[in-house]
Amino acid sequence: MITLPVEPLTKAAFAPFGTVIETAGATELAINQGTTTRFHDLSDVDVASSGGRPIISLFRGTRRPDPIAIRLMERHPLGSQSFMPLSSHDWLVVVAPTNSDDTAPDLAGMRVFRAGGDQGVTYAPDIWHHPLLVLQPVQDFLVIDRAPPPDEDASANLTEYWFDGTVAVIGLLSD
């Protein structure tokens, strides 16, 4: 079993897996007679494959027991998935590249990022990631992802990979 170190979430470190959503470095536009700042074009949304359409949902995550065990990863082959916290609490992002035969996450490349409460992520299509991991008892997220067309089974855009037990735990966290 591996103990995964926790890294800070940065645009450069996360680039192989998707996009970090944050205002730092964003194009700022004054709108609404100068009373509002628009942080423009923070992330692409890629959901149109096979007739998908974008939807906005609210996910309410609850904290998992310590140590946080990695037993499962998932990916969405037909669309991206964006998570933006609705409160200023840190949270965790676990990602992995795919293995050489494109059937499972590559454990050797698995990474854990600690995202600030002002940072979101967009997982690119087909990127292995762990389901939502929060550090508070409860935390809400705005999620933008893909709804299937009426004639598509919703499971077509979800691949889960269950490991044989716990394969990794997340290194010590200081909240």
N, C-alpha and C. Protein backbone atom coordinates (compact mmCIF):
# COMPACT_ATOMS: atom_id res chain seq x y z
N MET A 1 0.85 -1.18 0.00
CA MET A 1 0.00 0.00 0.00
C MET A 1 0.89 1.24 0.00
N ILE A 2 0.46 2.26 -0.71
CA ILE A 2 1.22 3.50 -0.86
C ILE A 2 0.60 4.58 0.04
N THR A 3 1.45 5.42 0.62
CA THR A 3 0.97 6.64 1.27
C THR A 3 1.23 7.78 0.30
N LEU A 4 0.16 8.41 -0.14
CA LEU A 4 0.27 9.47 -1.14
C LEU A 4 0.51 10.82 -0.46
N PRO A 5 1.57 11.52 -0.87
CA PRO A 5 1.79 12.86 -0.32
C PRO A 5 0.77 13.84 -0.90
N VAL A 6 0.46 14.86 -0.15
CA VAL A 6 -0.49 15.88 -0.59
C VAL A 6 0.29 17.09 -1.12
N GLU A 7 -0.02 17.48 -2.35
CA GLU A 7 0.64 18.61 -3.00
C GLU A 7 -0.33 19.78 -3.08
N PRO A 8 0.18 21.01 -3.11
CA PRO A 8 -0.72 22.14 -3.37
C PRO A 8 -1.22 22.07 -4.81
N LEU A 9 -2.44 22.50 -5.03
CA LEU A 9 -3.02 22.52 -6.37
C LEU A 9 -2.51 23.74 -7.12
N THR A 10 -1.82 23.51 -8.24
CA THR A 10 -1.37 24.59 -9.11
C THR A 10 -1.78 24.27 -10.54
N LYS A 11 -1.89 25.30 -11.34
CA LYS A 11 -2.27 25.10 -12.74
C LYS A 11 -1.27 24.22 -13.46
N ALA A 12 0.01 24.43 -13.24
CA ALA A 12 1.03 23.65 -13.94
C ALA A 12 1.02 22.18 -13.52
N ALA A 13 0.90 21.92 -12.22
CA ALA A 13 0.92 20.54 -11.75
C ALA A 13 -0.32 19.76 -12.19
N PHE A 14 -1.46 20.45 -12.29
CA PHE A 14 -2.71 19.78 -12.63
C PHE A 14 -2.96 19.69 -14.14
N ALA A 15 -2.18 20.41 -14.94
CA ALA A 15 -2.42 20.49 -16.39
C ALA A 15 -2.58 19.15 -17.09
N PRO A 16 -1.84 18.09 -16.74
CA PRO A 16 -2.05 16.81 -17.45
C PRO A 16 -3.44 16.19 -17.22
N PHE A 17 -4.17 16.68 -16.22
CA PHE A 17 -5.44 16.08 -15.84
C PHE A 17 -6.65 16.97 -16.16
N GLY A 18 -6.40 18.25 -16.40
CA GLY A 18 -7.49 19.18 -16.66
C GLY A 18 -7.08 20.61 -16.35
N THR A 19 -8.03 21.38 -15.83
CA THR A 19 -7.84 22.80 -15.60
C THR A 19 -8.16 23.16 -14.15
N VAL A 20 -7.33 24.03 -13.58
CA VAL A 20 -7.66 24.60 -12.27
C VAL A 20 -8.53 25.83 -12.52
N ILE A 21 -9.62 25.92 -11.78
CA ILE A 21 -10.53 27.06 -11.88
C ILE A 21 -10.21 27.99 -10.72
N GLU A 22 -9.66 29.17 -11.05
CA GLU A 22 -9.34 30.15 -10.02
C GLU A 22 -9.24 31.53 -10.66
N THR A 23 -9.36 32.54 -9.84
CA THR A 23 -9.32 33.90 -10.37
C THR A 23 -7.90 34.39 -10.61
N ALA A 24 -6.91 33.81 -9.95
CA ALA A 24 -5.52 34.25 -10.13
C ALA A 24 -5.12 34.12 -11.60
N GLY A 25 -4.68 35.24 -12.17
CA GLY A 25 -4.23 35.23 -13.56
C GLY A 25 -5.34 35.32 -14.59
N ALA A 26 -6.58 35.38 -14.16
CA ALA A 26 -7.72 35.42 -15.09
C ALA A 26 -7.88 36.81 -15.70
N THR A 27 -8.49 36.85 -16.88
CA THR A 27 -8.86 38.12 -17.49
C THR A 27 -10.01 38.72 -16.68
N GLU A 28 -9.84 39.95 -16.22
CA GLU A 28 -10.86 40.62 -15.43
C GLU A 28 -11.58 41.66 -16.29
N LEU A 29 -12.89 41.59 -16.29
CA LEU A 29 -13.70 42.53 -17.05
C LEU A 29 -14.66 43.23 -16.09
N ALA A 30 -14.71 44.55 -16.16
CA ALA A 30 -15.69 45.31 -15.38
C ALA A 30 -17.02 45.26 -16.14
N ILE A 31 -18.07 44.83 -15.46
CA ILE A 31 -19.39 44.75 -16.08
C ILE A 31 -20.42 45.37 -15.13
N ASN A 32 -21.65 45.43 -15.58
CA ASN A 32 -22.77 45.95 -14.78
C ASN A 32 -22.47 47.34 -14.23
N GLN A 33 -22.14 48.25 -15.13
CA GLN A 33 -21.83 49.64 -14.80
C GLN A 33 -20.69 49.75 -13.78
N GLY A 34 -19.74 48.81 -13.85
CA GLY A 34 -18.57 48.85 -12.99
C GLY A 34 -18.77 48.30 -11.59
N THR A 35 -19.94 47.73 -11.32
CA THR A 35 -20.21 47.21 -9.98
C THR A 35 -19.84 45.74 -9.82
N THR A 36 -19.44 45.09 -10.90
CA THR A 36 -19.13 43.67 -10.87
C THR A 36 -17.86 43.40 -11.67
N THR A 37 -17.04 42.50 -11.15
CA THR A 37 -15.87 42.04 -11.90
C THR A 37 -16.16 40.65 -12.41
N ARG A 38 -16.03 40.48 -13.72
CA ARG A 38 -16.18 39.17 -14.33
C ARG A 38 -14.78 38.59 -14.53
N PHE A 39 -14.53 37.41 -13.96
CA PHE A 39 -13.30 36.67 -14.20
C PHE A 39 -13.62 35.74 -15.35
N HIS A 40 -13.14 36.11 -16.53
CA HIS A 40 -13.62 35.57 -17.80
C HIS A 40 -12.93 34.28 -18.21
N ASP A 41 -13.72 33.32 -18.71
CA ASP A 41 -13.24 32.13 -19.40
C ASP A 41 -12.27 31.32 -18.54
N LEU A 42 -12.71 30.91 -17.36
CA LEU A 42 -11.84 30.20 -16.42
C LEU A 42 -11.59 28.74 -16.80
N SER A 43 -12.52 28.13 -17.54
CA SER A 43 -12.34 26.73 -17.90
C SER A 43 -13.29 26.38 -19.04
N ASP A 44 -12.84 25.51 -19.91
CA ASP A 44 -13.72 24.97 -20.94
C ASP A 44 -14.61 23.89 -20.35
N VAL A 45 -15.76 23.70 -20.95
CA VAL A 45 -16.67 22.61 -20.61
C VAL A 45 -16.82 21.77 -21.86
N ASP A 46 -16.48 20.50 -21.78
CA ASP A 46 -16.49 19.61 -22.94
C ASP A 46 -17.50 18.50 -22.69
N VAL A 47 -18.74 18.71 -23.13
CA VAL A 47 -19.81 17.75 -22.84
C VAL A 47 -20.64 17.36 -24.06
N ALA A 48 -20.32 17.89 -25.24
CA ALA A 48 -21.18 17.71 -26.41
C ALA A 48 -21.02 16.35 -27.10
N SER A 49 -20.03 15.55 -26.72
CA SER A 49 -19.80 14.26 -27.36
C SER A 49 -21.07 13.42 -27.36
N SER A 50 -21.37 12.84 -28.49
CA SER A 50 -22.52 11.93 -28.65
C SER A 50 -23.84 12.55 -28.22
N GLY A 51 -23.99 13.86 -28.41
CA GLY A 51 -25.27 14.50 -28.13
C GLY A 51 -25.49 14.90 -26.68
N GLY A 52 -24.43 14.90 -25.86
CA GLY A 52 -24.58 15.33 -24.47
C GLY A 52 -24.88 16.81 -24.38
N ARG A 53 -25.36 17.24 -23.23
CA ARG A 53 -25.64 18.65 -23.00
C ARG A 53 -25.13 19.03 -21.62
N PRO A 54 -24.76 20.31 -21.43
CA PRO A 54 -24.25 20.71 -20.12
C PRO A 54 -25.38 20.84 -19.10
N ILE A 55 -25.07 20.42 -17.88
CA ILE A 55 -26.00 20.61 -16.76
C ILE A 55 -25.22 21.16 -15.58
N ILE A 56 -25.91 21.85 -14.70
CA ILE A 56 -25.34 22.36 -13.45
C ILE A 56 -26.06 21.65 -12.31
N SER A 57 -25.27 21.10 -11.40
CA SER A 57 -25.83 20.40 -10.24
C SER A 57 -25.14 20.89 -8.98
N LEU A 58 -25.71 20.57 -7.85
CA LEU A 58 -25.08 20.82 -6.56
C LEU A 58 -24.74 19.47 -5.97
N PHE A 59 -23.49 19.26 -5.60
CA PHE A 59 -23.05 18.03 -4.92
C PHE A 59 -22.76 18.41 -3.47
N ARG A 60 -23.26 17.63 -2.54
CA ARG A 60 -22.98 17.83 -1.11
C ARG A 60 -22.12 16.67 -0.64
N GLY A 61 -20.84 16.95 -0.41
CA GLY A 61 -19.90 15.91 0.02
C GLY A 61 -19.80 15.84 1.53
N THR A 62 -19.59 14.63 2.04
CA THR A 62 -19.33 14.44 3.47
C THR A 62 -17.94 13.83 3.63
N ARG A 63 -17.32 14.14 4.74
CA ARG A 63 -15.95 13.70 4.98
C ARG A 63 -15.89 12.18 5.18
N ARG A 64 -14.90 11.59 4.59
CA ARG A 64 -14.64 10.15 4.75
C ARG A 64 -13.77 9.96 5.98
N PRO A 65 -13.76 8.74 6.55
CA PRO A 65 -12.95 8.49 7.74
C PRO A 65 -11.45 8.60 7.46
N ASP A 66 -10.68 9.01 8.49
CA ASP A 66 -9.22 9.04 8.41
C ASP A 66 -8.67 7.66 8.76
N PRO A 67 -7.59 7.24 8.15
CA PRO A 67 -6.98 7.85 6.98
C PRO A 67 -7.86 7.63 5.76
N ILE A 68 -7.83 8.57 4.83
CA ILE A 68 -8.64 8.45 3.63
C ILE A 68 -8.03 7.38 2.74
N ALA A 69 -8.80 6.34 2.49
CA ALA A 69 -8.33 5.17 1.74
C ALA A 69 -8.76 5.27 0.28
N ILE A 70 -7.86 4.92 -0.61
CA ILE A 70 -8.16 4.90 -2.04
C ILE A 70 -8.45 3.45 -2.44
N ARG A 71 -9.70 3.20 -2.80
CA ARG A 71 -10.15 1.87 -3.22
C ARG A 71 -10.79 1.90 -4.60
N LEU A 72 -11.07 3.10 -5.10
CA LEU A 72 -11.86 3.28 -6.30
C LEU A 72 -11.40 4.52 -7.03
N MET A 73 -11.41 4.46 -8.35
CA MET A 73 -11.23 5.64 -9.19
C MET A 73 -12.31 5.58 -10.26
N GLU A 74 -12.62 6.72 -10.85
CA GLU A 74 -13.63 6.76 -11.90
C GLU A 74 -13.17 7.72 -13.00
N ARG A 75 -13.79 7.58 -14.17
CA ARG A 75 -13.54 8.51 -15.27
C ARG A 75 -14.80 8.64 -16.10
N HIS A 76 -14.87 9.73 -16.86
CA HIS A 76 -16.03 10.03 -17.69
C HIS A 76 -15.54 10.20 -19.12
N PRO A 77 -15.68 9.17 -19.95
CA PRO A 77 -15.09 9.21 -21.29
C PRO A 77 -15.76 10.19 -22.25
N LEU A 78 -16.99 10.59 -21.99
CA LEU A 78 -17.72 11.42 -22.96
C LEU A 78 -17.80 12.90 -22.58
N GLY A 79 -17.18 13.30 -21.50
CA GLY A 79 -17.28 14.70 -21.15
C GLY A 79 -16.44 15.09 -19.95
N SER A 80 -16.19 16.38 -19.85
CA SER A 80 -15.47 16.92 -18.70
C SER A 80 -16.42 17.01 -17.51
N GLN A 81 -15.83 17.28 -16.35
CA GLN A 81 -16.62 17.44 -15.13
C GLN A 81 -15.92 18.51 -14.29
N SER A 82 -16.66 19.58 -13.96
CA SER A 82 -16.10 20.71 -13.20
C SER A 82 -16.68 20.76 -11.80
N PHE A 83 -15.82 21.01 -10.81
CA PHE A 83 -16.21 21.13 -9.41
C PHE A 83 -15.73 22.47 -8.89
N MET A 84 -16.62 23.26 -8.29
CA MET A 84 -16.25 24.53 -7.67
C MET A 84 -16.88 24.58 -6.29
N PRO A 85 -16.04 24.70 -5.23
CA PRO A 85 -16.62 24.74 -3.88
C PRO A 85 -17.44 26.00 -3.67
N LEU A 86 -18.49 25.87 -2.87
CA LEU A 86 -19.36 27.00 -2.57
C LEU A 86 -19.06 27.60 -1.20
N SER A 87 -17.99 27.12 -0.56
CA SER A 87 -17.52 27.70 0.70
C SER A 87 -16.00 27.71 0.65
N SER A 88 -15.40 28.50 1.50
CA SER A 88 -13.95 28.68 1.42
C SER A 88 -13.19 27.67 2.28
N HIS A 89 -13.48 26.40 2.07
CA HIS A 89 -12.78 25.33 2.79
C HIS A 89 -11.96 24.51 1.80
N ASP A 90 -10.76 24.13 2.23
CA ASP A 90 -9.91 23.28 1.39
C ASP A 90 -10.57 21.92 1.17
N TRP A 91 -10.16 21.28 0.10
CA TRP A 91 -10.68 19.95 -0.26
C TRP A 91 -9.58 19.22 -1.04
N LEU A 92 -9.78 17.94 -1.32
CA LEU A 92 -8.74 17.14 -1.96
C LEU A 92 -9.15 16.69 -3.35
N VAL A 93 -8.16 16.60 -4.23
CA VAL A 93 -8.34 16.15 -5.61
C VAL A 93 -7.34 15.02 -5.85
N VAL A 94 -7.84 13.84 -6.18
CA VAL A 94 -6.98 12.68 -6.46
C VAL A 94 -7.16 12.31 -7.92
N VAL A 95 -6.04 12.24 -8.65
CA VAL A 95 -6.06 11.93 -10.08
C VAL A 95 -4.98 10.92 -10.40
N ALA A 96 -5.13 10.27 -11.55
CA ALA A 96 -4.12 9.33 -12.01
C ALA A 96 -4.17 9.24 -13.53
N PRO A 97 -3.00 9.05 -14.16
CA PRO A 97 -3.02 8.75 -15.59
C PRO A 97 -3.56 7.34 -15.80
N THR A 98 -3.84 6.99 -17.03
CA THR A 98 -4.30 5.64 -17.32
C THR A 98 -3.10 4.72 -17.51
N ASN A 99 -3.31 3.42 -17.28
CA ASN A 99 -2.22 2.48 -17.48
C ASN A 99 -1.96 2.28 -18.97
N SER A 100 -0.94 1.52 -19.31
CA SER A 100 -0.51 1.40 -20.71
C SER A 100 -1.54 0.74 -21.61
N ASP A 101 -2.41 -0.10 -21.06
CA ASP A 101 -3.43 -0.72 -21.93
C ASP A 101 -4.79 -0.01 -21.84
N ASP A 102 -4.83 1.18 -21.22
CA ASP A 102 -6.02 2.03 -21.15
C ASP A 102 -7.21 1.37 -20.45
N THR A 103 -6.93 0.53 -19.44
CA THR A 103 -8.03 -0.14 -18.76
C THR A 103 -8.17 0.23 -17.29
N ALA A 104 -7.16 0.87 -16.72
CA ALA A 104 -7.18 1.13 -15.28
C ALA A 104 -6.30 2.35 -14.97
N PRO A 105 -6.48 2.92 -13.78
CA PRO A 105 -5.59 3.99 -13.37
C PRO A 105 -4.18 3.44 -13.12
N ASP A 106 -3.19 4.27 -13.40
CA ASP A 106 -1.79 3.92 -13.15
C ASP A 106 -1.42 4.38 -11.75
N LEU A 107 -1.29 3.44 -10.82
CA LEU A 107 -1.00 3.78 -9.43
C LEU A 107 0.30 4.55 -9.27
N ALA A 108 1.29 4.25 -10.08
CA ALA A 108 2.59 4.91 -9.97
C ALA A 108 2.48 6.40 -10.26
N GLY A 109 1.49 6.80 -11.03
CA GLY A 109 1.32 8.21 -11.38
C GLY A 109 0.23 8.92 -10.59
N MET A 110 -0.37 8.24 -9.61
CA MET A 110 -1.46 8.83 -8.83
C MET A 110 -0.94 10.02 -8.02
N ARG A 111 -1.74 11.10 -8.00
CA ARG A 111 -1.36 12.31 -7.27
C ARG A 111 -2.54 12.83 -6.47
N VAL A 112 -2.22 13.48 -5.35
CA VAL A 112 -3.23 14.10 -4.49
C VAL A 112 -2.89 15.58 -4.38
N PHE A 113 -3.89 16.42 -4.66
CA PHE A 113 -3.73 17.87 -4.56
C PHE A 113 -4.66 18.40 -3.48
N ARG A 114 -4.16 19.35 -2.72
CA ARG A 114 -5.01 20.06 -1.76
C ARG A 114 -5.43 21.36 -2.43
N ALA A 115 -6.71 21.46 -2.71
CA ALA A 115 -7.28 22.64 -3.35
C ALA A 115 -7.76 23.61 -2.28
N GLY A 116 -7.54 24.88 -2.51
CA GLY A 116 -8.08 25.89 -1.61
C GLY A 116 -9.57 26.04 -1.82
N GLY A 117 -10.24 26.64 -0.88
CA GLY A 117 -11.67 26.85 -0.99
C GLY A 117 -12.06 27.82 -2.08
N ASP A 118 -11.07 28.49 -2.67
CA ASP A 118 -11.31 29.39 -3.79
C ASP A 118 -10.83 28.79 -5.11
N GLN A 119 -10.58 27.48 -5.12
CA GLN A 119 -10.12 26.80 -6.33
C GLN A 119 -11.07 25.66 -6.69
N GLY A 120 -11.38 25.58 -7.97
CA GLY A 120 -12.12 24.45 -8.48
C GLY A 120 -11.26 23.72 -9.50
N VAL A 121 -11.78 22.63 -10.01
CA VAL A 121 -11.08 21.89 -11.07
C VAL A 121 -12.08 21.45 -12.13
N THR A 122 -11.55 21.33 -13.34
CA THR A 122 -12.28 20.65 -14.41
C THR A 122 -11.45 19.45 -14.80
N TYR A 123 -12.01 18.26 -14.57
CA TYR A 123 -11.35 17.04 -15.04
C TYR A 123 -11.60 16.94 -16.54
N ALA A 124 -10.54 16.77 -17.31
CA ALA A 124 -10.70 16.57 -18.74
C ALA A 124 -11.42 15.23 -18.97
N PRO A 125 -12.06 15.06 -20.14
CA PRO A 125 -12.70 13.78 -20.41
C PRO A 125 -11.71 12.62 -20.29
N ASP A 126 -12.18 11.52 -19.73
CA ASP A 126 -11.42 10.27 -19.65
C ASP A 126 -10.26 10.31 -18.66
N ILE A 127 -10.26 11.24 -17.71
CA ILE A 127 -9.21 11.32 -16.69
C ILE A 127 -9.68 10.58 -15.43
N TRP A 128 -8.85 9.67 -14.95
CA TRP A 128 -9.16 8.95 -13.72
C TRP A 128 -9.09 9.92 -12.54
N HIS A 129 -10.12 9.89 -11.70
CA HIS A 129 -10.15 10.72 -10.50
C HIS A 129 -10.96 10.01 -9.42
N HIS A 130 -10.68 10.37 -8.20
CA HIS A 130 -11.44 9.82 -7.07
C HIS A 130 -12.72 10.63 -6.91
N PRO A 131 -13.79 10.01 -6.46
CA PRO A 131 -14.99 10.80 -6.14
C PRO A 131 -14.66 11.88 -5.10
N LEU A 132 -15.53 12.84 -4.98
CA LEU A 132 -15.36 14.03 -4.15
C LEU A 132 -14.81 13.71 -2.76
N LEU A 133 -13.76 14.44 -2.37
CA LEU A 133 -13.13 14.29 -1.05
C LEU A 133 -13.09 15.64 -0.35
N VAL A 134 -13.88 15.78 0.71
CA VAL A 134 -13.93 17.03 1.46
C VAL A 134 -13.25 16.85 2.80
N LEU A 135 -12.80 17.96 3.38
CA LEU A 135 -12.12 17.94 4.67
C LEU A 135 -12.99 18.45 5.80
N GLN A 136 -14.16 19.00 5.46
CA GLN A 136 -15.13 19.46 6.44
C GLN A 136 -16.17 18.34 6.65
N PRO A 137 -16.94 18.41 7.71
CA PRO A 137 -18.00 17.39 7.86
C PRO A 137 -18.93 17.36 6.65
N VAL A 138 -19.27 18.54 6.11
CA VAL A 138 -20.13 18.65 4.93
C VAL A 138 -19.65 19.85 4.11
N GLN A 139 -19.64 19.69 2.78
CA GLN A 139 -19.25 20.81 1.92
C GLN A 139 -19.99 20.70 0.59
N ASP A 140 -20.50 21.83 0.11
CA ASP A 140 -21.25 21.88 -1.15
C ASP A 140 -20.37 22.36 -2.30
N PHE A 141 -20.67 21.82 -3.50
CA PHE A 141 -19.96 22.18 -4.73
C PHE A 141 -20.94 22.40 -5.85
N LEU A 142 -20.66 23.40 -6.67
CA LEU A 142 -21.36 23.57 -7.93
C LEU A 142 -20.64 22.68 -8.93
N VAL A 143 -21.38 21.84 -9.64
CA VAL A 143 -20.78 20.88 -10.58
C VAL A 143 -21.40 21.08 -11.95
N ILE A 144 -20.53 21.19 -12.95
CA ILE A 144 -20.97 21.28 -14.33
C ILE A 144 -20.47 20.03 -15.03
N ASP A 145 -21.39 19.26 -15.57
CA ASP A 145 -20.98 18.06 -16.29
C ASP A 145 -21.98 17.73 -17.38
N ARG A 146 -21.95 16.51 -17.86
CA ARG A 146 -22.67 16.10 -19.06
C ARG A 146 -23.92 15.31 -18.71
N ALA A 147 -25.05 15.74 -19.28
CA ALA A 147 -26.27 14.95 -19.24
C ALA A 147 -26.36 14.19 -20.56
N PRO A 148 -26.73 12.92 -20.52
CA PRO A 148 -26.82 12.15 -21.76
C PRO A 148 -28.08 12.51 -22.55
N PRO A 149 -28.04 12.27 -23.86
CA PRO A 149 -29.26 12.43 -24.64
C PRO A 149 -30.27 11.36 -24.19
N PRO A 150 -31.55 11.54 -24.50
CA PRO A 150 -32.58 10.62 -24.02
C PRO A 150 -32.35 9.15 -24.40
N ASP A 151 -31.69 8.90 -25.51
CA ASP A 151 -31.53 7.51 -25.96
C ASP A 151 -30.22 6.86 -25.48
N GLU A 152 -29.49 7.53 -24.59
CA GLU A 152 -28.21 6.98 -24.12
C GLU A 152 -28.33 6.54 -22.66
N ASP A 153 -27.78 5.39 -22.34
CA ASP A 153 -27.71 4.93 -20.96
C ASP A 153 -26.73 5.83 -20.21
N ALA A 154 -27.12 6.34 -19.06
CA ALA A 154 -26.27 7.25 -18.28
C ALA A 154 -24.94 6.61 -17.92
N SER A 155 -24.88 5.29 -17.82
CA SER A 155 -23.63 4.62 -17.46
C SER A 155 -22.59 4.66 -18.58
N ALA A 156 -22.98 5.10 -19.79
CA ALA A 156 -22.03 5.18 -20.90
C ALA A 156 -20.92 6.19 -20.62
N ASN A 157 -21.19 7.14 -19.74
CA ASN A 157 -20.19 8.17 -19.43
C ASN A 157 -19.58 7.99 -18.04
N LEU A 158 -19.58 6.77 -17.54
CA LEU A 158 -18.96 6.50 -16.24
C LEU A 158 -18.27 5.15 -16.28
N THR A 159 -16.97 5.17 -15.99
CA THR A 159 -16.21 3.94 -15.82
C THR A 159 -15.66 3.97 -14.41
N GLU A 160 -16.00 2.97 -13.62
CA GLU A 160 -15.44 2.85 -12.27
C GLU A 160 -14.41 1.73 -12.27
N TYR A 161 -13.34 1.96 -11.53
CA TYR A 161 -12.33 0.92 -11.36
C TYR A 161 -12.14 0.69 -9.86
N TRP A 162 -12.59 -0.48 -9.40
CA TRP A 162 -12.45 -0.87 -8.00
C TRP A 162 -11.18 -1.69 -7.86
N PHE A 163 -10.31 -1.27 -6.96
CA PHE A 163 -9.10 -2.03 -6.68
C PHE A 163 -9.44 -3.18 -5.74
N ASP A 164 -8.55 -4.13 -5.62
CA ASP A 164 -8.71 -5.22 -4.66
C ASP A 164 -8.31 -4.71 -3.28
N GLY A 165 -9.21 -4.01 -2.63
CA GLY A 165 -8.94 -3.43 -1.32
C GLY A 165 -8.32 -2.06 -1.42
N THR A 166 -7.78 -1.58 -0.32
CA THR A 166 -7.15 -0.27 -0.26
C THR A 166 -5.77 -0.35 -0.91
N VAL A 167 -5.51 0.50 -1.91
CA VAL A 167 -4.20 0.49 -2.58
C VAL A 167 -3.33 1.67 -2.14
N ALA A 168 -3.97 2.69 -1.55
CA ALA A 168 -3.22 3.86 -1.10
C ALA A 168 -4.03 4.57 -0.03
N VAL A 169 -3.32 5.30 0.80
CA VAL A 169 -3.96 6.20 1.76
C VAL A 169 -3.34 7.58 1.55
N ILE A 170 -4.09 8.58 1.92
CA ILE A 170 -3.61 9.95 1.76
C ILE A 170 -2.79 10.33 2.97
N GLY A 171 -1.61 10.90 2.70
CA GLY A 171 -0.68 11.31 3.76
C GLY A 171 -1.33 12.20 4.80
N LEU A 172 -0.70 12.34 5.93
CA LEU A 172 -1.25 13.12 7.04
C LEU A 172 -1.65 14.51 6.59
N LEU A 173 -2.81 14.92 7.06
CA LEU A 173 -3.35 16.24 6.72
C LEU A 173 -3.43 17.07 7.98
N SER A 174 -3.13 18.34 7.83
CA SER A 174 -3.40 19.25 8.93
C SER A 174 -4.48 20.21 8.44
N ASP A 175 -5.63 20.10 9.03
CA ASP A 175 -6.75 20.95 8.59
C ASP A 175 -6.45 22.31 9.05
